Amino acid sequence: MAEEIKSFEGLKAVASVTAPEKVEPRIDALGRAYATGKRKNAVARVWIKRGTGKITVNDRELTNYFCRPTLRMLINQPFQVTDRTNQFDVICTVVGGGLSGQAGAIRHGISRAINYFEPGLRPLLKSGGFLTRDSRVVERKKYGKAKARRSFQFSKR
């Protein structure tokens, strides 16, 4: 049974024994790391592997799927923060939501996959907020209201 800790010295002795273990990369037999990303109602399944920087979304090129440059920039942010631009090929399938939510889901999935591929990059991704799932979703409509909070126009007479 574990010994009782009665002072800070006892706590230090126990803490020094339990050092953090080295995290191993999660890579499959094909050299890929897999992760799931979510944003709003969109869910992205992302596989990354070493390559030339080609990103494929639902069997289409990134520039064909996301025409807005801001969405493409959002997807490439995890690579820029970790200085891994054009070092990984990304294959992802995304369902649900709109384009903005899908781009956010892909970014979240890429971040998690990079974390699985190279666990040493976790502090960079974590400090940038890329590993945290953005939990904001659309507020539901209430009865007696036009939308979630908007009331019907008030008529005095």
C-alpha atoms as a PDB file:
ATOM      1  CA  MET A   1       0.000   0.000   0.000  1.00  0.00           C
ATOM      2  CA  ALA A   2       1.200   3.562  -0.706  1.00  0.00           C
ATOM      3  CA  GLU A   3       2.909   5.383   2.127  1.00  0.00           C
ATOM      4  CA  GLU A   4       1.291   8.457   3.653  1.00  0.00           C
ATOM      5  CA  ILE A   5       2.597  11.881   2.693  1.00  0.00           C
ATOM      6  CA  LYS A   6       2.831  14.140   5.737  1.00  0.00           C
ATOM      7  CA  SER A   7       5.117  16.942   4.529  1.00  0.00           C
ATOM      8  CA  PHE A   8       6.374  18.686   1.403  1.00  0.00           C
ATOM      9  CA  GLU A   9       9.617  16.688   1.543  1.00  0.00           C
ATOM     10  CA  GLY A  10       7.600  13.487   1.396  1.00  0.00           C
ATOM     11  CA  LEU A  11       5.669  14.870  -1.549  1.00  0.00           C
ATOM     12  CA  LYS A  12       8.898  15.783  -3.365  1.00  0.00           C
ATOM     13  CA  ALA A  13      10.253  12.286  -2.833  1.00  0.00           C
ATOM     14  CA  VAL A  14       7.139  10.719  -4.357  1.00  0.00           C
ATOM     15  CA  ALA A  15       6.968  13.269  -7.208  1.00  0.00           C
ATOM     16  CA  SER A  16      10.587  12.745  -8.224  1.00  0.00           C
ATOM     17  CA  VAL A  17       9.988   9.007  -8.580  1.00  0.00           C
ATOM     18  CA  THR A  18       7.069   9.437 -11.009  1.00  0.00           C
ATOM     19  CA  ALA A  19       8.721  11.198 -13.956  1.00  0.00           C
ATOM     20  CA  PRO A  20       6.646  11.762 -17.108  1.00  0.00           C
ATOM     21  CA  GLU A  21       6.942   8.950 -19.619  1.00  0.00           C
ATOM     22  CA  LYS A  22       8.012   9.546 -23.199  1.00  0.00           C
ATOM     23  CA  VAL A  23       5.008   9.533 -25.528  1.00  0.00           C
ATOM     24  CA  GLU A  24       5.344   7.283 -28.560  1.00  0.00           C
ATOM     25  CA  PRO A  25       4.054   8.389 -31.982  1.00  0.00           C
ATOM     26  CA  ARG A  26       0.814   6.762 -33.195  1.00  0.00           C
ATOM     27  CA  ILE A  27       1.637   5.792 -36.767  1.00  0.00           C
ATOM     28  CA  ASP A  28       0.002   2.931 -38.679  1.00  0.00           C
ATOM     29  CA  ALA A  29       1.689   0.386 -40.972  1.00  0.00           C
ATOM     30  CA  LEU A  30       1.417   2.742 -43.965  1.00  0.00           C
ATOM     31  CA  GLY A  31       3.272   5.543 -42.152  1.00  0.00           C
ATOM     32  CA  ARG A  32       0.156   7.623 -41.517  1.00  0.00           C
ATOM     33  CA  ALA A  33      -1.232   9.291 -38.416  1.00  0.00           C
ATOM     34  CA  TYR A  34      -5.033   9.459 -38.085  1.00  0.00           C
ATOM     35  CA  ALA A  35      -7.126  11.952 -36.136  1.00  0.00           C
ATOM     36  CA  THR A  36     -10.680  13.257 -36.007  1.00  0.00           C
ATOM     37  CA  GLY A  37     -11.440  16.977 -35.927  1.00  0.00           C
ATOM     38  CA  LYS A  38     -14.719  18.693 -35.103  1.00  0.00           C
ATOM     39  CA  ARG A  39     -16.114  22.195 -35.428  1.00  0.00           C
ATOM     40  CA  LYS A  40     -19.774  23.299 -35.282  1.00  0.00           C
ATOM     41  CA  ASN A  41     -21.633  20.406 -36.996  1.00  0.00           C
ATOM     42  CA  ALA A  42     -18.709  19.331 -39.197  1.00  0.00           C
ATOM     43  CA  VAL A  43     -16.646  16.203 -38.571  1.00  0.00           C
ATOM     44  CA  ALA A  44     -13.342  15.632 -40.394  1.00  0.00           C
ATOM     45  CA  ARG A  45     -11.374  12.395 -40.577  1.00  0.00           C
ATOM     46  CA  VAL A  46      -7.735  13.275 -41.293  1.00  0.00           C
ATOM     47  CA  TRP A  47      -4.734  11.136 -42.281  1.00  0.00           C
ATOM     48  CA  ILE A  48      -1.279  12.712 -42.587  1.00  0.00           C
ATOM     49  CA  LYS A  49       1.944  11.180 -43.887  1.00  0.00           C
ATOM     50  CA  ARG A  50       5.334  12.463 -44.995  1.00  0.00           C
ATOM     51  CA  GLY A  51       5.136  14.046 -48.421  1.00  0.00           C
ATOM     52  CA  THR A  52       5.228  17.230 -50.455  1.00  0.00           C
ATOM     53  CA  GLY A  53       2.386  19.227 -48.906  1.00  0.00           C
ATOM     54  CA  LYS A  54      -0.522  18.008 -51.046  1.00  0.00           C
ATOM     55  CA  ILE A  55      -3.895  18.389 -49.301  1.00  0.00           C
ATOM     56  CA  THR A  56      -6.902  16.393 -50.564  1.00  0.00           C
ATOM     57  CA  VAL A  57     -10.407  17.022 -49.219  1.00  0.00           C
ATOM     58  CA  ASN A  58     -13.165  14.548 -50.184  1.00  0.00           C
ATOM     59  CA  ASP A  59     -11.094  13.386 -53.201  1.00  0.00           C
ATOM     60  CA  ARG A  60     -10.715  16.991 -54.446  1.00  0.00           C
ATOM     61  CA  GLU A  61      -7.793  19.409 -54.372  1.00  0.00           C
ATOM     62  CA  LEU A  62      -7.768  21.939 -51.531  1.00  0.00           C
ATOM     63  CA  THR A  63      -8.021  24.908 -53.932  1.00  0.00           C
ATOM     64  CA  ASN A  64     -11.056  23.356 -55.651  1.00  0.00           C
ATOM     65  CA  TYR A  65     -12.892  22.508 -52.432  1.00  0.00           C
ATOM     66  CA  PHE A  66     -12.119  25.708 -50.492  1.00  0.00           C
ATOM     67  CA  CYS A  67     -12.115  28.622 -52.932  1.00  0.00           C
ATOM     68  CA  ARG A  68     -11.792  31.285 -50.214  1.00  0.00           C
ATOM     69  CA  PRO A  69      -8.144  31.992 -49.363  1.00  0.00           C
ATOM     70  CA  THR A  70      -9.021  32.617 -45.696  1.00  0.00           C
ATOM     71  CA  LEU A  71     -10.285  29.049 -45.320  1.00  0.00           C
ATOM     72  CA  ARG A  72      -7.142  27.647 -46.974  1.00  0.00           C
ATOM     73  CA  MET A  73      -5.016  29.802 -44.658  1.00  0.00           C
ATOM     74  CA  LEU A  74      -6.967  28.448 -41.657  1.00  0.00           C
ATOM     75  CA  ILE A  75      -6.240  24.870 -42.725  1.00  0.00           C
ATOM     76  CA  ASN A  76      -2.502  25.530 -43.165  1.00  0.00           C
ATOM     77  CA  GLN A  77      -2.039  27.248 -39.779  1.00  0.00           C
ATOM     78  CA  PRO A  78      -0.927  24.125 -37.840  1.00  0.00           C
ATOM     79  CA  PHE A  79       1.849  23.499 -40.385  1.00  0.00           C
ATOM     80  CA  GLN A  80       3.050  27.112 -40.233  1.00  0.00           C
ATOM     81  CA  VAL A  81       3.137  27.198 -36.420  1.00  0.00           C
ATOM     82  CA  THR A  82       5.165  23.974 -36.247  1.00  0.00           C
ATOM     83  CA  ASP A  83       7.425  24.870 -39.245  1.00  0.00           C
ATOM     84  CA  ARG A  84       6.252  21.781 -41.137  1.00  0.00           C
ATOM     85  CA  THR A  85       4.979  23.515 -44.290  1.00  0.00           C
ATOM     86  CA  ASN A  86       5.101  21.239 -47.377  1.00  0.00           C
ATOM     87  CA  GLN A  87       6.399  18.272 -45.333  1.00  0.00           C
ATOM     88  CA  PHE A  88       3.140  16.333 -44.946  1.00  0.00           C
ATOM     89  CA  ASP A  89       0.496  15.070 -47.359  1.00  0.00           C
ATOM     90  CA  VAL A  90      -3.035  15.328 -45.977  1.00  0.00           C
ATOM     91  CA  ILE A  91      -5.985  13.180 -46.994  1.00  0.00           C
ATOM     92  CA  CYS A  92      -9.264  13.994 -45.295  1.00  0.00           C
ATOM     93  CA  THR A  93     -12.968  13.373 -45.563  1.00  0.00           C
ATOM     94  CA  VAL A  94     -15.326  15.899 -44.024  1.00  0.00           C
ATOM     95  CA  VAL A  95     -19.107  15.784 -43.576  1.00  0.00           C
ATOM     96  CA  GLY A  96     -21.684  18.119 -42.085  1.00  0.00           C
ATOM     97  CA  GLY A  97     -21.836  21.845 -41.532  1.00  0.00           C
ATOM     98  CA  GLY A  98     -20.840  24.586 -43.940  1.00  0.00           C
ATOM     99  CA  LEU A  99     -17.493  25.476 -45.460  1.00  0.00           C
ATOM    100  CA  SER A 100     -16.305  27.492 -42.448  1.00  0.00           C
ATOM    101  CA  GLY A 101     -17.116  24.701 -40.003  1.00  0.00           C
ATOM    102  CA  GLN A 102     -15.528  22.130 -42.289  1.00  0.00           C
ATOM    103  CA  ALA A 103     -12.323  24.167 -42.546  1.00  0.00           C
ATOM    104  CA  GLY A 104     -12.202  24.452 -38.752  1.00  0.00           C
ATOM    105  CA  ALA A 105     -12.782  20.715 -38.386  1.00  0.00           C
ATOM    106  CA  ILE A 106      -9.966  19.943 -40.818  1.00  0.00           C
ATOM    107  CA  ARG A 107      -7.633  22.312 -38.942  1.00  0.00           C
ATOM    108  CA  HIS A 108      -8.486  20.583 -35.655  1.00  0.00           C
ATOM    109  CA  GLY A 109      -7.924  17.150 -37.213  1.00  0.00           C
ATOM    110  CA  ILE A 110      -4.600  18.154 -38.781  1.00  0.00           C
ATOM    111  CA  SER A 111      -3.419  19.539 -35.442  1.00  0.00           C
ATOM    112  CA  ARG A 112      -4.298  16.342 -33.613  1.00  0.00           C
ATOM    113  CA  ALA A 113      -2.703  14.199 -36.343  1.00  0.00           C
ATOM    114  CA  ILE A 114       0.538  16.233 -36.170  1.00  0.00           C
ATOM    115  CA  ASN A 115       0.466  15.739 -32.406  1.00  0.00           C
ATOM    116  CA  TYR A 116       0.162  11.971 -32.922  1.00  0.00           C
ATOM    117  CA  PHE A 117       2.875  11.943 -35.617  1.00  0.00           C
ATOM    118  CA  GLU A 118       5.377  14.048 -33.610  1.00  0.00           C
ATOM    119  CA  PRO A 119       4.418  14.233 -29.911  1.00  0.00           C
ATOM    120  CA  GLY A 120       7.238  16.724 -29.253  1.00  0.00           C
ATOM    121  CA  LEU A 121       5.244  19.410 -31.098  1.00  0.00           C
ATOM    122  CA  ARG A 122       2.388  19.305 -28.557  1.00  0.00           C
ATOM    123  CA  PRO A 123       3.441  22.461 -26.624  1.00  0.00           C
ATOM    124  CA  LEU A 124       3.485  24.537 -29.822  1.00  0.00           C
ATOM    125  CA  LEU A 125       0.069  23.284 -30.917  1.00  0.00           C
ATOM    126  CA  LYS A 126      -1.405  23.583 -27.428  1.00  0.00           C
ATOM    127  CA  SER A 127      -0.186  27.158 -26.906  1.00  0.00           C
ATOM    128  CA  GLY A 128      -1.680  28.134 -30.270  1.00  0.00           C
ATOM    129  CA  GLY A 129      -5.041  26.656 -29.230  1.00  0.00           C
ATOM    130  CA  PHE A 130      -5.133  24.184 -32.111  1.00  0.00           C
ATOM    131  CA  LEU A 131      -5.765  21.064 -30.006  1.00  0.00           C
ATOM    132  CA  THR A 132      -8.814  22.484 -28.227  1.00  0.00           C
ATOM    133  CA  ARG A 133     -12.151  21.693 -29.843  1.00  0.00           C
ATOM    134  CA  ASP A 134     -14.160  24.877 -30.422  1.00  0.00           C
ATOM    135  CA  SER A 135     -17.406  23.891 -28.725  1.00  0.00           C
ATOM    136  CA  ARG A 136     -19.526  26.799 -29.970  1.00  0.00           C
ATOM    137  CA  VAL A 137     -22.568  25.622 -31.912  1.00  0.00           C
ATOM    138  CA  VAL A 138     -25.736  27.322 -33.135  1.00  0.00           C
ATOM    139  CA  GLU A 139     -28.225  28.099 -30.377  1.00  0.00           C
ATOM    140  CA  ARG A 140     -31.531  26.314 -30.791  1.00  0.00           C
ATOM    141  CA  LYS A 141     -34.748  28.092 -31.707  1.00  0.00           C
ATOM    142  CA  LYS A 142     -37.217  28.658 -28.855  1.00  0.00           C
ATOM    143  CA  TYR A 143     -40.996  28.514 -29.106  1.00  0.00           C
ATOM    144  CA  GLY A 144     -42.727  31.889 -29.164  1.00  0.00           C
ATOM    145  CA  LYS A 145     -39.677  33.464 -30.828  1.00  0.00           C
ATOM    146  CA  ALA A 146     -38.840  34.140 -34.456  1.00  0.00           C
ATOM    147  CA  LYS A 147     -35.304  32.722 -34.078  1.00  0.00           C
ATOM    148  CA  ALA A 148     -33.169  31.716 -31.094  1.00  0.00           C
ATOM    149  CA  ARG A 149     -33.563  35.095 -29.357  1.00  0.00           C
ATOM    150  CA  ARG A 150     -35.319  37.367 -31.860  1.00  0.00           C
ATOM    151  CA  SER A 151     -38.889  38.182 -30.887  1.00  0.00           C
ATOM    152  CA  PHE A 152     -41.721  38.832 -33.302  1.00  0.00           C
ATOM    153  CA  GLN A 153     -42.401  42.492 -34.053  1.00  0.00           C
ATOM    154  CA  PHE A 154     -44.464  44.072 -31.295  1.00  0.00           C
ATOM    155  CA  SER A 155     -47.641  45.875 -32.374  1.00  0.00           C
ATOM    156  CA  LYS A 156     -49.146  48.328 -29.926  1.00  0.00           C
ATOM    157  CA  ARG A 157     -52.470  48.558 -31.792  1.00  0.00           C
END
